[in-house]
C-alpha cells in the first residue's frame, strides 16, 4: 500500500517567512491554491482509499482539491495540526537566530525531548500524528492513504514509518506542496518519493 504525505501549499505567512505553527490558521494564497490544484491533477488517477487532513484551512484547502477529483470525503483530525511552536508563533524567521539561537542549537541536538518554549516536543507531535494515521493504514491495504498536513507532521510521519530516529529531522527539508510517497509492504517499508514538486 501507499502512504502519500503532502505538505500544504503556500500561504501569506510562508511568503513573509514567518513561523506558522499549529495555532496559526492562515489560508492558502494564490500560489498555494495553484499548488493544490496541480497536486490534485497529479493524483487524479491514483487509487485513493482515504484522505486525511489537518483541521487548519491551509491543509483543508489542499485536501479539498484532491478530494474533488475522487468523490471522497475528507477525514479531518486535530492530531495532524502542525507542531505547537509556542513563543515562536508568528515570528519572522530572520529573528529566530538571534532571539532563540541557544535554544535552536539545543533543539537540533536533542530533537526528541527538547520542548519549544510554550510549545511541544517533536516526540509528542510524532505520537499524536501517528495515532491519527496508523488505524487508516490497517484499514486501507489496497488503496492509497493520503495525508495532508504540515512540515514537522510530515517529517515525523516519514521517520516513524521508516523506523528512523527523530533526530534525523534535521537531515531532511520539505518544500511547500512537497509530496512524499512511502510504500508499505510485508517485506518492508521504503521511501519511494521524497518532496516531489515536479507536478
Protein backbone atom coordinates (compact mmCIF):
# COMPACT_ATOMS: atom_id res chain seq x y z
CA UNK A 1 0.00 0.00 0.00
CA UNK A 2 0.98 3.62 -0.38
CA UNK A 3 1.12 6.35 2.22
CA UNK A 4 1.10 9.67 0.37
CA UNK A 5 2.18 12.59 2.55
CA UNK A 6 1.58 16.13 1.32
CA UNK A 7 2.67 19.40 2.83
CA UNK A 8 0.11 22.15 2.22
CA UNK A 9 0.65 24.87 -0.38
CA UNK A 10 1.93 28.40 0.18
CA UNK A 11 0.31 30.96 2.49
CA UNK A 12 0.95 34.65 3.08
CA UNK A 13 2.97 33.81 6.19
CA UNK A 14 5.14 31.39 4.22
CA UNK A 15 5.78 34.18 1.72
CA UNK A 16 6.66 36.56 4.57
CA UNK A 17 8.91 33.86 6.11
CA UNK A 18 7.08 33.80 9.45
CA UNK A 19 6.81 30.83 11.79
CA UNK A 20 3.47 29.15 11.15
CA UNK A 21 2.69 26.55 13.78
CA UNK A 22 -0.42 24.73 14.90
CA UNK A 23 -2.01 27.85 16.41
CA UNK A 24 -1.95 29.86 13.14
CA UNK A 25 -4.86 29.19 10.81
CA UNK A 26 -3.67 31.02 7.71
CA UNK A 27 -5.35 30.34 4.36
CA UNK A 28 -3.59 29.50 1.10
CA UNK A 29 -2.60 32.40 -1.13
CA UNK A 30 -2.97 32.33 -4.94
CA UNK A 31 0.28 30.39 -5.34
CA UNK A 32 -0.85 27.87 -2.71
CA UNK A 33 -4.22 27.34 -4.40
CA UNK A 34 -2.44 26.70 -7.71
CA UNK A 35 -0.14 24.20 -6.00
CA UNK A 36 -3.17 22.41 -4.54
CA UNK A 37 -4.81 22.17 -7.97
CA UNK A 38 -1.63 20.81 -9.56
CA UNK A 39 -1.23 18.20 -6.81
CA UNK A 40 -4.85 17.15 -7.32
CA UNK A 41 -4.32 16.78 -11.08
CA UNK A 42 -1.19 14.71 -10.48
CA UNK A 43 -3.11 12.35 -8.19
CA UNK A 44 -6.27 12.21 -10.31
CA UNK A 45 -5.68 8.63 -11.47
CA UNK A 46 -4.30 7.37 -8.14
CA UNK A 47 -6.38 4.72 -6.37
CA UNK A 48 -7.03 6.63 -3.14
CA UNK A 49 -8.85 4.92 -0.29
CA UNK A 50 -8.95 7.80 2.18
CA UNK A 51 -7.87 11.43 2.50
CA UNK A 52 -6.96 12.66 5.99
CA UNK A 53 -6.27 16.31 6.75
CA UNK A 54 -5.18 18.65 9.47
CA UNK A 55 -8.05 20.94 10.55
CA UNK A 56 -6.14 24.08 9.57
CA UNK A 57 -7.52 25.77 6.47
CA UNK A 58 -4.24 25.69 4.54
CA UNK A 59 -4.29 21.89 4.74
CA UNK A 60 -8.05 21.51 4.21
CA UNK A 61 -7.95 23.60 1.01
CA UNK A 62 -5.17 21.38 -0.33
CA UNK A 63 -7.08 18.23 0.66
CA UNK A 64 -10.32 19.57 -0.85
CA UNK A 65 -8.66 19.98 -4.23
CA UNK A 66 -7.61 16.31 -4.17
CA UNK A 67 -10.95 15.06 -2.82
CA UNK A 68 -12.90 16.90 -5.52
CA UNK A 69 -11.41 14.60 -8.18
CA UNK A 70 -12.08 11.39 -6.25
CA UNK A 71 -15.58 11.87 -4.85
CA UNK A 72 -14.23 11.23 -1.37
CA UNK A 73 -14.96 12.94 1.95
CA UNK A 74 -12.06 14.34 3.97
CA UNK A 75 -11.31 12.86 7.37
CA UNK A 76 -10.27 15.86 9.50
CA UNK A 77 -8.18 15.13 12.57
CA UNK A 78 -6.91 17.69 15.09
CA UNK A 79 -3.92 15.45 15.81
CA UNK A 80 -2.49 16.39 12.40
CA UNK A 81 -2.12 20.07 13.33
CA UNK A 82 1.37 21.49 12.88
CA UNK A 83 3.84 21.47 15.76
CA UNK A 84 2.80 23.74 18.64
CA UNK A 85 5.67 26.21 18.41
CA UNK A 86 4.68 28.25 21.46
CA UNK A 87 6.61 31.52 21.67
CA UNK A 88 7.89 31.09 18.11
CA UNK A 89 4.38 31.54 16.64
CA UNK A 90 4.22 34.35 14.09
CA UNK A 91 7.85 35.40 14.47
CA UNK A 92 9.92 36.29 11.43
CA UNK A 93 12.40 33.50 10.67
CA UNK A 94 15.15 36.11 10.36
CA UNK A 95 14.72 36.97 14.06
CA UNK A 96 14.90 33.41 15.35
CA UNK A 97 18.66 33.01 15.13
CA UNK A 98 19.27 35.99 17.37
CA UNK A 99 16.34 35.62 19.75
CA UNK A 100 16.43 31.87 20.28
CA UNK A 101 19.84 30.86 18.88
CA UNK A 102 20.90 28.98 22.02
CA UNK A 103 17.65 27.07 22.20
CA UNK A 104 17.67 26.21 18.48
CA UNK A 105 21.14 24.74 18.87
CA UNK A 106 19.95 22.61 21.80
CA UNK A 107 16.78 21.58 19.91
CA UNK A 108 18.80 20.40 16.93
CA UNK A 109 20.92 18.17 19.15
CA UNK A 110 18.06 16.68 21.19
CA UNK A 111 15.02 16.83 18.95
CA UNK A 112 13.06 14.09 20.66
CA UNK A 113 12.81 15.61 24.11
CA UNK A 114 13.58 19.32 23.67
CA UNK A 115 10.43 21.38 24.24
CA UNK A 116 9.81 24.56 22.31
CA UNK A 117 9.19 27.46 24.73
CA UNK A 118 5.46 27.29 25.48
CA UNK A 119 5.05 24.55 22.88
CA UNK A 120 5.54 20.81 22.46
CA UNK A 121 8.26 18.32 21.67
CA UNK A 122 8.73 16.52 18.36
CA UNK A 123 8.16 13.27 20.22
CA UNK A 124 4.71 14.46 21.31
CA UNK A 125 3.96 15.59 17.76
CA UNK A 126 5.02 12.26 16.27
CA UNK A 127 2.97 10.27 18.77
CA UNK A 128 -0.26 12.18 18.16
CA UNK A 129 0.12 12.29 14.37
CA UNK A 130 0.91 8.58 14.09
CA UNK A 131 -2.12 7.77 16.28
CA UNK A 132 -4.22 9.66 13.72
CA UNK A 133 -2.78 7.91 10.67
CA UNK A 134 -1.96 4.40 11.93
CA UNK A 135 -5.53 3.00 12.03
CA UNK A 136 -6.16 4.06 8.41
CA UNK A 137 -3.08 2.17 7.27
CA UNK A 138 -4.54 -1.01 8.74
CA UNK A 139 -7.95 -0.38 7.14
CA UNK A 140 -6.82 0.56 3.61
CA UNK A 141 -4.47 -2.18 2.47
CA UNK A 142 -5.36 -1.75 -1.21
CA UNK A 143 -5.96 1.96 -1.80
CA UNK A 144 -3.53 4.77 -1.02
CA UNK A 145 -3.81 6.71 2.23
CA UNK A 146 -3.34 10.43 1.58
CA UNK A 147 -2.36 12.68 4.49
CA UNK A 148 -2.36 16.46 4.01
CA UNK A 149 -0.63 18.30 6.82
CA UNK A 150 2.44 20.34 7.64
CA UNK A 151 6.23 20.43 7.67
CA UNK A 152 7.01 18.79 11.03
CA UNK A 153 4.00 16.47 10.92
CA UNK A 154 5.08 15.09 7.54
CA UNK A 155 8.70 14.65 8.60
CA UNK A 156 7.74 12.95 11.86
CA UNK A 157 5.46 10.51 9.99
CA UNK A 158 8.19 9.68 7.47
CA UNK A 159 10.70 8.99 10.24
CA UNK A 160 8.18 6.86 12.14
CA UNK A 161 7.25 4.81 9.08
CA UNK A 162 10.93 4.21 8.24
CA UNK A 163 11.82 3.50 11.88
CA UNK A 164 14.41 6.28 11.93
CA UNK A 165 15.32 8.42 14.98
CA UNK A 166 13.52 11.74 15.29
CA UNK A 167 16.88 13.50 15.45
CA UNK A 168 17.16 12.81 11.72
CA UNK A 169 14.61 15.54 11.03
CA UNK A 170 17.49 18.00 10.52
CA UNK A 171 18.73 15.89 7.58
CA UNK A 172 15.54 16.47 5.56
CA UNK A 173 13.92 19.55 4.03
CA UNK A 174 10.35 19.79 2.76
CA UNK A 175 9.11 22.37 0.28
CA UNK A 176 5.62 23.84 0.27
CA UNK A 177 3.39 21.46 -1.64
CA UNK A 178 6.05 18.77 -1.35
CA UNK A 179 4.72 15.24 -1.85
CA UNK A 180 6.35 12.13 -0.38
CA UNK A 181 5.27 8.54 -1.02
CA UNK A 182 6.02 5.60 1.27
CA UNK A 183 5.50 2.02 0.10
CA UNK A 184 4.42 -0.24 2.96
CA UNK A 185 4.63 -3.95 2.18
CA UNK A 186 5.01 -7.19 4.14
CA UNK A 187 8.65 -7.38 3.11
CA UNK A 188 9.40 -3.89 4.37
CA UNK A 189 8.83 -0.16 4.12
CA UNK A 190 10.64 2.20 1.79
CA UNK A 191 10.58 5.86 0.87
CA UNK A 192 9.70 5.79 -2.83
CA UNK A 193 9.32 9.54 -3.43
CA UNK A 194 10.51 12.43 -1.29
CA UNK A 195 9.47 16.09 -1.52
CA UNK A 196 8.30 15.89 -5.13
CA UNK A 197 7.15 19.25 -6.54
CA UNK A 198 7.55 18.32 -10.21
CA UNK A 199 3.78 18.13 -10.77
